[in-house]
Amino acid sequence: MSFSSSMQRRRPSGIGARTGVGLKGEHVAEILETRPDIGFFEVHAENYMGAGGVPHRQLEAIRCEYPVSLHGVGLSIGAIGVLDEAHLARLKSLNERYEPGLFSEHLAWSTHDTTYFNDLLPVPYDEETLARVCDHIDRVQDVIGRRMLLENPSTYVAFWQSTMSETDFLKEIVRRTGCGLLLDVNNVHVSCTNQQVSARDYLAAFPVEAVGEIHLGGHAPDLDDEGRPLLIDAHDRSVDDAVWLLFEEALLLCGPQPTLIEWDNDVPAWPVLLSEAEAADQIVQRAELRGEQRRAV
């Protein structure tokens, strides 16, 4: 397979209310050969921060055929202290190089001084954290020159010092910074199950007017030390039935959105991943049809 397509004209960068999947190197050849009808591909920014090599040749070939979204996992928006300016510069370069239709990051922290952790760690929902996160988002949007989407986290514990709910925290971030939100429906299900609260109530309180993308993924069931259900945001299996139902409820609230199937561990063969995307696409299209019917009345 040749990746000389990097010299070809790219497809437009805009991403509509379609379903995409995370791009995996082992799937690229089959994707370019079969040209599936799929909305977009999402990549983790940190996998493309080198200057060249096979990952960039593959991504350029994909970018000529499809729009892409850029999803960061290492910016550490919630960390104490200033952002890593070198990391931010690399994010800016990637945005300029591939012109992604969407750019997103996590409401989490993963660094402390010069230490980098492999996990996306939660933050307390209080005024001090709110001010810090908003300052960091302002800096990101100023440097990169575009709106960022912030993803709601999957959580396993709650902080005693939190003074507001997660949804109120997100609402205030949007109000202060003008950023958008990435609504991860699987994270909603995972967090609400682990915190023993209603996922439907969470969605009802979510600032849906700011949603610019939705994520779906698989989770691993477990039990905590007291025998209560505990869900792990594993991204290693198909979307759970409960998450599909919650996804349909989310679309009723925020309308059809670009939707991503996340499958990052134990990655299946391409037809399996494509089937998940097609199932999500059918739900998005039904939601779009319902919206058209309501507008016609």
C-alpha atoms as a PDB file:
ATOM      1  CA  MET A   1       0.000   0.000   0.000  1.00  0.00           C
ATOM      2  CA  SER A   2       1.274   3.457  -0.875  1.00  0.00           C
ATOM      3  CA  PHE A   3       0.687   6.526   1.230  1.00  0.00           C
ATOM      4  CA  SER A   4       1.470   8.914  -1.623  1.00  0.00           C
ATOM      5  CA  SER A   5      -2.083  10.218  -1.217  1.00  0.00           C
ATOM      6  CA  SER A   6      -0.575  12.877   1.062  1.00  0.00           C
ATOM      7  CA  MET A   7      -0.182  14.942  -2.115  1.00  0.00           C
ATOM      8  CA  GLN A   8      -3.879  14.666  -2.955  1.00  0.00           C
ATOM      9  CA  ARG A   9      -6.495  17.245  -2.154  1.00  0.00           C
ATOM     10  CA  ARG A  10      -8.030  16.739   1.273  1.00  0.00           C
ATOM     11  CA  ARG A  11     -11.684  16.298   2.016  1.00  0.00           C
ATOM     12  CA  PRO A  12     -13.356  19.252   3.798  1.00  0.00           C
ATOM     13  CA  SER A  13     -12.683  19.318   7.516  1.00  0.00           C
ATOM     14  CA  GLY A  14     -16.277  19.764   8.707  1.00  0.00           C
ATOM     15  CA  ILE A  15     -17.874  16.922  10.678  1.00  0.00           C
ATOM     16  CA  GLY A  16     -21.632  16.550  10.564  1.00  0.00           C
ATOM     17  CA  ALA A  17     -24.017  14.471  12.655  1.00  0.00           C
ATOM     18  CA  ARG A  18     -22.422  11.183  11.661  1.00  0.00           C
ATOM     19  CA  THR A  19     -20.601   8.437  13.537  1.00  0.00           C
ATOM     20  CA  GLY A  20     -16.840   7.960  13.510  1.00  0.00           C
ATOM     21  CA  VAL A  21     -14.330   5.628  15.120  1.00  0.00           C
ATOM     22  CA  GLY A  22     -10.902   5.915  16.643  1.00  0.00           C
ATOM     23  CA  LEU A  23      -8.235   5.342  14.004  1.00  0.00           C
ATOM     24  CA  LYS A  24      -5.998   2.308  14.623  1.00  0.00           C
ATOM     25  CA  GLY A  25      -2.886   1.612  12.584  1.00  0.00           C
ATOM     26  CA  GLU A  26      -3.817  -2.010  11.990  1.00  0.00           C
ATOM     27  CA  HIS A  27      -7.028  -0.931  10.250  1.00  0.00           C
ATOM     28  CA  VAL A  28      -5.631   1.722   7.912  1.00  0.00           C
ATOM     29  CA  ALA A  29      -4.866  -0.510   4.913  1.00  0.00           C
ATOM     30  CA  GLU A  30      -8.355  -2.064   4.967  1.00  0.00           C
ATOM     31  CA  ILE A  31     -10.010   1.332   5.377  1.00  0.00           C
ATOM     32  CA  LEU A  32      -8.162   2.821   2.418  1.00  0.00           C
ATOM     33  CA  GLU A  33      -8.916  -0.245   0.303  1.00  0.00           C
ATOM     34  CA  THR A  34     -12.648  -0.463   1.105  1.00  0.00           C
ATOM     35  CA  ARG A  35     -13.471   3.261   1.640  1.00  0.00           C
ATOM     36  CA  PRO A  36     -16.298   2.630   4.166  1.00  0.00           C
ATOM     37  CA  ASP A  37     -19.133   5.122   4.489  1.00  0.00           C
ATOM     38  CA  ILE A  38     -18.170   6.533   7.850  1.00  0.00           C
ATOM     39  CA  GLY A  39     -18.407  10.054   9.188  1.00  0.00           C
ATOM     40  CA  PHE A  40     -14.892  10.687  10.509  1.00  0.00           C
ATOM     41  CA  PHE A  41     -11.889   9.239  12.293  1.00  0.00           C
ATOM     42  CA  GLU A  42     -10.592  10.392  15.653  1.00  0.00           C
ATOM     43  CA  VAL A  43      -6.953  10.259  16.732  1.00  0.00           C
ATOM     44  CA  HIS A  44      -5.233  10.802  20.066  1.00  0.00           C
ATOM     45  CA  ALA A  45      -3.020  13.826  19.637  1.00  0.00           C
ATOM     46  CA  GLU A  46      -0.173  12.378  21.691  1.00  0.00           C
ATOM     47  CA  ASN A  47       0.304   9.554  19.173  1.00  0.00           C
ATOM     48  CA  TYR A  48       1.240  12.063  16.460  1.00  0.00           C
ATOM     49  CA  MET A  49       3.600  14.468  18.187  1.00  0.00           C
ATOM     50  CA  GLY A  50       6.663  13.188  16.360  1.00  0.00           C
ATOM     51  CA  ALA A  51       7.695  14.952  13.168  1.00  0.00           C
ATOM     52  CA  GLY A  52       7.058  12.089  10.747  1.00  0.00           C
ATOM     53  CA  GLY A  53       7.096   8.346  10.289  1.00  0.00           C
ATOM     54  CA  VAL A  54       4.435   5.757   9.517  1.00  0.00           C
ATOM     55  CA  PRO A  55       1.746   7.196  11.849  1.00  0.00           C
ATOM     56  CA  HIS A  56       1.813  10.534  10.033  1.00  0.00           C
ATOM     57  CA  ARG A  57       1.844   8.910   6.589  1.00  0.00           C
ATOM     58  CA  GLN A  58      -1.161   6.827   7.563  1.00  0.00           C
ATOM     59  CA  LEU A  59      -3.035   9.765   9.047  1.00  0.00           C
ATOM     60  CA  GLU A  60      -2.348  11.943   6.008  1.00  0.00           C
ATOM     61  CA  ALA A  61      -3.738   9.210   3.750  1.00  0.00           C
ATOM     62  CA  ILE A  62      -6.863   8.968   5.903  1.00  0.00           C
ATOM     63  CA  ARG A  63      -7.197  12.761   6.054  1.00  0.00           C
ATOM     64  CA  CYS A  64      -7.330  12.897   2.255  1.00  0.00           C
ATOM     65  CA  GLU A  65     -10.432  10.703   2.325  1.00  0.00           C
ATOM     66  CA  TYR A  66     -12.178  11.634   5.589  1.00  0.00           C
ATOM     67  CA  PRO A  67     -12.492  14.426   8.132  1.00  0.00           C
ATOM     68  CA  VAL A  68     -10.713  13.807  11.413  1.00  0.00           C
ATOM     69  CA  SER A  69     -11.140  14.892  15.022  1.00  0.00           C
ATOM     70  CA  LEU A  70      -8.213  15.470  17.368  1.00  0.00           C
ATOM     71  CA  HIS A  71      -8.625  14.196  20.925  1.00  0.00           C
ATOM     72  CA  GLY A  72      -5.997  15.118  23.498  1.00  0.00           C
ATOM     73  CA  VAL A  73      -5.282  12.965  26.538  1.00  0.00           C
ATOM     74  CA  GLY A  74      -2.186  14.636  27.986  1.00  0.00           C
ATOM     75  CA  LEU A  75      -2.821  18.352  28.370  1.00  0.00           C
ATOM     76  CA  SER A  76      -3.726  17.966  32.077  1.00  0.00           C
ATOM     77  CA  ILE A  77      -6.318  20.754  32.117  1.00  0.00           C
ATOM     78  CA  GLY A  78      -7.062  20.224  35.809  1.00  0.00           C
ATOM     79  CA  ALA A  79      -3.478  20.177  37.091  1.00  0.00           C
ATOM     80  CA  ILE A  80      -2.114  22.721  39.559  1.00  0.00           C
ATOM     81  CA  GLY A  81       0.375  25.096  37.945  1.00  0.00           C
ATOM     82  CA  VAL A  82       0.790  26.306  34.389  1.00  0.00           C
ATOM     83  CA  LEU A  83       0.196  24.220  31.303  1.00  0.00           C
ATOM     84  CA  ASP A  84       3.101  22.598  29.492  1.00  0.00           C
ATOM     85  CA  GLU A  85       3.759  25.188  26.777  1.00  0.00           C
ATOM     86  CA  ALA A  86       5.803  22.766  24.666  1.00  0.00           C
ATOM     87  CA  HIS A  87       2.914  20.285  24.678  1.00  0.00           C
ATOM     88  CA  LEU A  88       0.512  23.075  23.813  1.00  0.00           C
ATOM     89  CA  ALA A  89       2.715  24.146  20.899  1.00  0.00           C
ATOM     90  CA  ARG A  90       2.659  20.594  19.557  1.00  0.00           C
ATOM     91  CA  LEU A  91      -1.138  20.560  19.789  1.00  0.00           C
ATOM     92  CA  LYS A  92      -1.258  23.808  17.848  1.00  0.00           C
ATOM     93  CA  SER A  93       1.011  22.330  15.183  1.00  0.00           C
ATOM     94  CA  LEU A  94      -1.183  19.239  14.838  1.00  0.00           C
ATOM     95  CA  ASN A  95      -4.317  21.372  14.500  1.00  0.00           C
ATOM     96  CA  GLU A  96      -2.658  23.374  11.757  1.00  0.00           C
ATOM     97  CA  ARG A  97      -1.257  20.291  10.019  1.00  0.00           C
ATOM     98  CA  TYR A  98      -4.427  18.199   9.852  1.00  0.00           C
ATOM     99  CA  GLU A  99      -7.217  20.781  10.166  1.00  0.00           C
ATOM    100  CA  PRO A 100      -9.434  18.571  12.358  1.00  0.00           C
ATOM    101  CA  GLY A 101     -13.143  19.223  12.356  1.00  0.00           C
ATOM    102  CA  LEU A 102     -13.213  18.887  16.158  1.00  0.00           C
ATOM    103  CA  PHE A 103     -10.635  19.308  18.909  1.00  0.00           C
ATOM    104  CA  SER A 104     -11.222  18.004  22.430  1.00  0.00           C
ATOM    105  CA  GLU A 105      -9.568  17.351  25.778  1.00  0.00           C
ATOM    106  CA  HIS A 106     -10.484  15.849  29.167  1.00  0.00           C
ATOM    107  CA  LEU A 107     -11.620  17.399  32.417  1.00  0.00           C
ATOM    108  CA  ALA A 108      -8.820  15.715  34.335  1.00  0.00           C
ATOM    109  CA  TRP A 109      -5.207  16.003  35.412  1.00  0.00           C
ATOM    110  CA  SER A 110      -2.309  13.676  34.659  1.00  0.00           C
ATOM    111  CA  THR A 111       0.819  15.636  35.616  1.00  0.00           C
ATOM    112  CA  HIS A 112       2.427  17.042  38.744  1.00  0.00           C
ATOM    113  CA  ASP A 113       5.570  19.132  38.317  1.00  0.00           C
ATOM    114  CA  THR A 114       7.679  16.956  36.005  1.00  0.00           C
ATOM    115  CA  THR A 115       5.854  13.695  36.817  1.00  0.00           C
ATOM    116  CA  TYR A 116       3.505  12.217  34.212  1.00  0.00           C
ATOM    117  CA  PHE A 117       0.860   9.656  35.143  1.00  0.00           C
ATOM    118  CA  ASN A 118      -0.831   7.099  32.887  1.00  0.00           C
ATOM    119  CA  ASP A 119      -4.284   7.886  34.270  1.00  0.00           C
ATOM    120  CA  LEU A 120      -6.763  10.703  33.747  1.00  0.00           C
ATOM    121  CA  LEU A 121      -7.353  11.709  37.350  1.00  0.00           C
ATOM    122  CA  PRO A 122     -10.468  13.542  38.653  1.00  0.00           C
ATOM    123  CA  VAL A 123     -10.688  17.018  40.138  1.00  0.00           C
ATOM    124  CA  PRO A 124     -12.768  18.429  43.000  1.00  0.00           C
ATOM    125  CA  TYR A 125     -15.639  20.662  41.940  1.00  0.00           C
ATOM    126  CA  ASP A 126     -14.916  23.833  43.883  1.00  0.00           C
ATOM    127  CA  GLU A 127     -14.196  27.488  43.102  1.00  0.00           C
ATOM    128  CA  GLU A 128     -10.413  27.129  43.201  1.00  0.00           C
ATOM    129  CA  THR A 129     -10.418  24.279  40.710  1.00  0.00           C
ATOM    130  CA  LEU A 130     -12.997  26.040  38.547  1.00  0.00           C
ATOM    131  CA  ALA A 131     -10.843  29.158  38.239  1.00  0.00           C
ATOM    132  CA  ARG A 132      -7.755  27.097  37.403  1.00  0.00           C
ATOM    133  CA  VAL A 133      -9.506  24.967  34.777  1.00  0.00           C
ATOM    134  CA  CYS A 134     -11.030  28.049  33.132  1.00  0.00           C
ATOM    135  CA  ASP A 135      -7.643  29.793  33.023  1.00  0.00           C
ATOM    136  CA  HIS A 136      -6.143  26.736  31.373  1.00  0.00           C
ATOM    137  CA  ILE A 137      -8.929  26.452  28.809  1.00  0.00           C
ATOM    138  CA  ASP A 138      -8.590  30.146  27.984  1.00  0.00           C
ATOM    139  CA  ARG A 139      -4.885  29.603  27.391  1.00  0.00           C
ATOM    140  CA  VAL A 140      -5.486  26.574  25.162  1.00  0.00           C
ATOM    141  CA  GLN A 141      -8.081  28.360  23.042  1.00  0.00           C
ATOM    142  CA  ASP A 142      -5.919  31.488  22.747  1.00  0.00           C
ATOM    143  CA  VAL A 143      -2.862  29.539  21.596  1.00  0.00           C
ATOM    144  CA  ILE A 144      -4.602  27.127  19.250  1.00  0.00           C
ATOM    145  CA  GLY A 145      -7.032  29.732  17.963  1.00  0.00           C
ATOM    146  CA  ARG A 146     -10.157  27.609  18.032  1.00  0.00           C
ATOM    147  CA  ARG A 147     -12.889  26.338  20.316  1.00  0.00           C
ATOM    148  CA  MET A 148     -12.056  23.324  22.417  1.00  0.00           C
ATOM    149  CA  LEU A 149     -14.511  20.663  23.562  1.00  0.00           C
ATOM    150  CA  LEU A 150     -14.128  19.468  27.156  1.00  0.00           C
ATOM    151  CA  GLU A 151     -15.074  15.874  28.009  1.00  0.00           C
ATOM    152  CA  ASN A 152     -16.932  14.907  31.171  1.00  0.00           C
ATOM    153  CA  PRO A 153     -14.902  12.347  33.134  1.00  0.00           C
ATOM    154  CA  SER A 154     -15.555   8.814  34.316  1.00  0.00           C
ATOM    155  CA  THR A 155     -15.230   8.817  38.105  1.00  0.00           C
ATOM    156  CA  TYR A 156     -14.944   6.240  40.846  1.00  0.00           C
ATOM    157  CA  VAL A 157     -14.879   8.423  43.949  1.00  0.00           C
ATOM    158  CA  ALA A 158     -16.240  11.837  44.951  1.00  0.00           C
ATOM    159  CA  PHE A 159     -14.262  14.604  46.680  1.00  0.00           C
ATOM    160  CA  TRP A 160     -15.534  15.761  50.053  1.00  0.00           C
ATOM    161  CA  GLN A 161     -14.391  19.316  49.254  1.00  0.00           C
ATOM    162  CA  SER A 162     -16.608  19.615  46.161  1.00  0.00           C
ATOM    163  CA  THR A 163     -19.087  22.464  46.559  1.00  0.00           C
ATOM    164  CA  MET A 164     -21.030  22.000  43.323  1.00  0.00           C
ATOM    165  CA  SER A 165     -22.267  19.224  41.102  1.00  0.00           C
ATOM    166  CA  GLU A 166     -20.346  18.084  38.045  1.00  0.00           C
ATOM    167  CA  THR A 167     -23.007  19.464  35.715  1.00  0.00           C
ATOM    168  CA  ASP A 168     -22.992  22.879  37.437  1.00  0.00           C
ATOM    169  CA  PHE A 169     -19.191  22.867  37.262  1.00  0.00           C
ATOM    170  CA  LEU A 170     -19.343  22.203  33.515  1.00  0.00           C
ATOM    171  CA  LYS A 171     -22.022  24.866  32.992  1.00  0.00           C
ATOM    172  CA  GLU A 172     -19.839  27.475  34.650  1.00  0.00           C
ATOM    173  CA  ILE A 173     -16.797  26.446  32.603  1.00  0.00           C
ATOM    174  CA  VAL A 174     -18.801  26.929  29.415  1.00  0.00           C
ATOM    175  CA  ARG A 175     -20.123  30.298  30.591  1.00  0.00           C
ATOM    176  CA  ARG A 176     -16.683  31.628  31.514  1.00  0.00           C
ATOM    177  CA  THR A 177     -14.603  30.273  28.623  1.00  0.00           C
ATOM    178  CA  GLY A 178     -16.975  29.760  25.700  1.00  0.00           C
ATOM    179  CA  CYS A 179     -15.640  26.237  25.204  1.00  0.00           C
ATOM    180  CA  GLY A 180     -17.884  23.422  24.044  1.00  0.00           C
ATOM    181  CA  LEU A 181     -18.504  20.042  25.659  1.00  0.00           C
ATOM    182  CA  LEU A 182     -17.860  16.491  24.591  1.00  0.00           C
ATOM    183  CA  LEU A 183     -20.602  14.397  26.164  1.00  0.00           C
ATOM    184  CA  ASP A 184     -19.226  10.936  26.864  1.00  0.00           C
ATOM    185  CA  VAL A 185     -22.365   8.878  27.449  1.00  0.00           C
ATOM    186  CA  ASN A 186     -20.445   5.848  28.647  1.00  0.00           C
ATOM    187  CA  ASN A 187     -18.700   8.055  31.228  1.00  0.00           C
ATOM    188  CA  VAL A 188     -22.111   9.236  32.421  1.00  0.00           C
ATOM    189  CA  HIS A 189     -23.270   5.661  32.903  1.00  0.00           C
ATOM    190  CA  VAL A 190     -20.007   4.610  34.574  1.00  0.00           C
ATOM    191  CA  SER A 191     -19.858   7.595  36.945  1.00  0.00           C
ATOM    192  CA  CYS A 192     -23.523   7.525  37.902  1.00  0.00           C
ATOM    193  CA  THR A 193     -23.435   3.785  38.573  1.00  0.00           C
ATOM    194  CA  ASN A 194     -20.309   4.154  40.692  1.00  0.00           C
ATOM    195  CA  GLN A 195     -21.701   7.171  42.582  1.00  0.00           C
ATOM    196  CA  GLN A 196     -25.146   5.546  42.906  1.00  0.00           C
ATOM    197  CA  VAL A 197     -27.037   8.436  41.311  1.00  0.00           C
ATOM    198  CA  SER A 198     -29.442   8.649  38.378  1.00  0.00           C
ATOM    199  CA  ALA A 199     -27.882   8.898  34.921  1.00  0.00           C
ATOM    200  CA  ARG A 200     -31.150  10.308  33.557  1.00  0.00           C
ATOM    201  CA  ASP A 201     -31.100  13.073  36.159  1.00  0.00           C
ATOM    202  CA  TYR A 202     -27.483  13.796  35.258  1.00  0.00           C
ATOM    203  CA  LEU A 203     -28.393  14.174  31.582  1.00  0.00           C
ATOM    204  CA  ALA A 204     -31.366  16.383  32.431  1.00  0.00           C
ATOM    205  CA  ALA A 205     -28.995  18.765  34.243  1.00  0.00           C
ATOM    206  CA  PHE A 206     -26.236  18.639  31.623  1.00  0.00           C
ATOM    207  CA  PRO A 207     -25.632  21.855  29.581  1.00  0.00           C
ATOM    208  CA  VAL A 208     -26.688  20.178  26.347  1.00  0.00           C
ATOM    209  CA  GLU A 209     -26.655  23.436  24.386  1.00  0.00           C
ATOM    210  CA  ALA A 210     -22.826  23.313  24.524  1.00  0.00           C
ATOM    211  CA  VAL A 211     -22.457  19.728  23.252  1.00  0.00           C
ATOM    212  CA  GLY A 212     -20.403  19.454  20.066  1.00  0.00           C
ATOM    213  CA  GLU A 213     -19.582  15.741  20.074  1.00  0.00           C
ATOM    214  CA  ILE A 214     -20.643  12.511  21.788  1.00  0.00           C
ATOM    215  CA  HIS A 215     -18.516   9.522  22.771  1.00  0.00           C
ATOM    216  CA  LEU A 216     -19.667   5.923  23.223  1.00  0.00           C
ATOM    217  CA  GLY A 217     -17.557   3.077  24.504  1.00  0.00           C
ATOM    218  CA  GLY A 218     -17.464  -0.162  26.441  1.00  0.00           C
ATOM    219  CA  HIS A 219     -16.973  -0.633  30.163  1.00  0.00           C
ATOM    220  CA  ALA A 220     -15.959  -3.546  32.354  1.00  0.00           C
ATOM    221  CA  PRO A 221     -18.270  -4.593  35.227  1.00  0.00           C
ATOM    222  CA  ASP A 222     -16.778  -5.240  38.640  1.00  0.00           C
ATOM    223  CA  LEU A 223     -17.687  -5.015  42.339  1.00  0.00           C
ATOM    224  CA  ASP A 224     -16.292  -2.710  45.016  1.00  0.00           C
ATOM    225  CA  ASP A 225     -15.090  -3.866  48.439  1.00  0.00           C
ATOM    226  CA  GLU A 226     -18.658  -3.843  49.751  1.00  0.00           C
ATOM    227  CA  GLY A 227     -20.086  -5.867  46.876  1.00  0.00           C
ATOM    228  CA  ARG A 228     -21.718  -2.937  45.088  1.00  0.00           C
ATOM    229  CA  PRO A 229     -21.570  -2.571  41.277  1.00  0.00           C
ATOM    230  CA  LEU A 230     -18.404  -0.879  40.060  1.00  0.00           C
ATOM    231  CA  LEU A 231     -17.865  -0.036  36.397  1.00  0.00           C
ATOM    232  CA  ILE A 232     -14.440   0.506  34.820  1.00  0.00           C
ATOM    233  CA  ASP A 233     -14.132   2.760  31.773  1.00  0.00           C
ATOM    234  CA  ALA A 234     -12.133   0.138  29.884  1.00  0.00           C
ATOM    235  CA  HIS A 235     -12.779   0.877  26.178  1.00  0.00           C
ATOM    236  CA  ASP A 236     -12.161  -2.808  25.510  1.00  0.00           C
ATOM    237  CA  ARG A 237     -15.530  -4.106  24.331  1.00  0.00           C
ATOM    238  CA  SER A 238     -18.755  -3.226  22.543  1.00  0.00           C
ATOM    239  CA  VAL A 239     -21.175  -0.588  23.796  1.00  0.00           C
ATOM    240  CA  ASP A 240     -23.421  -1.848  26.588  1.00  0.00           C
ATOM    241  CA  ASP A 241     -27.208  -1.961  26.102  1.00  0.00           C
ATOM    242  CA  ALA A 242     -27.710   0.518  28.953  1.00  0.00           C
ATOM    243  CA  VAL A 243     -25.375   2.983  27.232  1.00  0.00           C
ATOM    244  CA  TRP A 244     -27.219   2.629  23.916  1.00  0.00           C
ATOM    245  CA  LEU A 245     -30.470   3.534  25.695  1.00  0.00           C
ATOM    246  CA  LEU A 246     -28.830   6.488  27.430  1.00  0.00           C
ATOM    247  CA  PHE A 247     -27.424   7.610  24.077  1.00  0.00           C
ATOM    248  CA  GLU A 248     -30.927   7.795  22.619  1.00  0.00           C
ATOM    249  CA  GLU A 249     -32.055   9.881  25.592  1.00  0.00           C
ATOM    250  CA  ALA A 250     -29.078  12.198  25.147  1.00  0.00           C
ATOM    251  CA  LEU A 251     -29.958  12.764  21.489  1.00  0.00           C
ATOM    252  CA  LEU A 252     -33.478  13.763  22.487  1.00  0.00           C
ATOM    253  CA  LEU A 253     -31.943  16.500  24.636  1.00  0.00           C
ATOM    254  CA  CYS A 254     -29.067  17.782  22.504  1.00  0.00           C
ATOM    255  CA  GLY A 255     -30.107  16.712  19.008  1.00  0.00           C
ATOM    256  CA  PRO A 256     -27.991  14.724  16.523  1.00  0.00           C
ATOM    257  CA  GLN A 257     -24.249  15.186  17.058  1.00  0.00           C
ATOM    258  CA  PRO A 258     -20.987  13.797  15.682  1.00  0.00           C
ATOM    259  CA  THR A 259     -20.612  10.547  17.611  1.00  0.00           C
ATOM    260  CA  LEU A 260     -17.512   8.459  18.202  1.00  0.00           C
ATOM    261  CA  ILE A 261     -17.150   4.775  19.007  1.00  0.00           C
ATOM    262  CA  GLU A 262     -14.169   4.436  21.359  1.00  0.00           C
ATOM    263  CA  TRP A 263     -12.446   1.056  21.403  1.00  0.00           C
ATOM    264  CA  ASP A 264      -8.828   1.450  22.528  1.00  0.00           C
ATOM    265  CA  ASN A 265      -7.951  -1.873  24.176  1.00  0.00           C
ATOM    266  CA  ASP A 266      -8.382  -5.427  22.839  1.00  0.00           C
ATOM    267  CA  VAL A 267      -9.145  -3.753  19.511  1.00  0.00           C
ATOM    268  CA  PRO A 268     -11.274  -6.013  17.288  1.00  0.00           C
ATOM    269  CA  ALA A 269     -11.077  -6.620  13.545  1.00  0.00           C
ATOM    270  CA  TRP A 270     -12.191  -3.689  11.417  1.00  0.00           C
ATOM    271  CA  PRO A 271     -15.638  -5.146  10.474  1.00  0.00           C
ATOM    272  CA  VAL A 272     -16.557  -5.402  14.174  1.00  0.00           C
ATOM    273  CA  LEU A 273     -15.671  -1.781  14.825  1.00  0.00           C
ATOM    274  CA  LEU A 274     -17.441  -0.659  11.667  1.00  0.00           C
ATOM    275  CA  SER A 275     -20.586  -2.533  12.753  1.00  0.00           C
ATOM    276  CA  GLU A 276     -20.624  -0.620  16.054  1.00  0.00           C
ATOM    277  CA  ALA A 277     -20.328   2.653  14.159  1.00  0.00           C
ATOM    278  CA  GLU A 278     -23.146   1.698  11.799  1.00  0.00           C
ATOM    279  CA  ALA A 279     -25.406   0.876  14.746  1.00  0.00           C
ATOM    280  CA  ALA A 280     -24.715   4.285  16.285  1.00  0.00           C
ATOM    281  CA  ASP A 281     -25.228   5.987  12.925  1.00  0.00           C
ATOM    282  CA  GLN A 282     -28.698   4.473  12.616  1.00  0.00           C
ATOM    283  CA  ILE A 283     -29.659   5.909  16.009  1.00  0.00           C
ATOM    284  CA  VAL A 284     -28.311   9.340  15.054  1.00  0.00           C
ATOM    285  CA  GLN A 285     -30.206   9.270  11.764  1.00  0.00           C
ATOM    286  CA  ARG A 286     -33.450   8.322  13.536  1.00  0.00           C
ATOM    287  CA  ALA A 287     -32.942  11.240  15.916  1.00  0.00           C
ATOM    288  CA  GLU A 288     -32.369  13.554  12.963  1.00  0.00           C
ATOM    289  CA  LEU A 289     -35.575  12.316  11.312  1.00  0.00           C
ATOM    290  CA  ARG A 290     -37.554  12.900  14.507  1.00  0.00           C
ATOM    291  CA  GLY A 291     -36.195  16.419  14.660  1.00  0.00           C
ATOM    292  CA  GLU A 292     -37.217  17.113  11.070  1.00  0.00           C
ATOM    293  CA  GLN A 293     -40.691  15.770  11.749  1.00  0.00           C
ATOM    294  CA  ARG A 294     -41.087  18.027  14.827  1.00  0.00           C
ATOM    295  CA  ARG A 295     -39.940  21.080  12.871  1.00  0.00           C
ATOM    296  CA  ALA A 296     -42.427  20.279  10.103  1.00  0.00           C
ATOM    297  CA  VAL A 297     -45.409  20.278  12.492  1.00  0.00           C
END
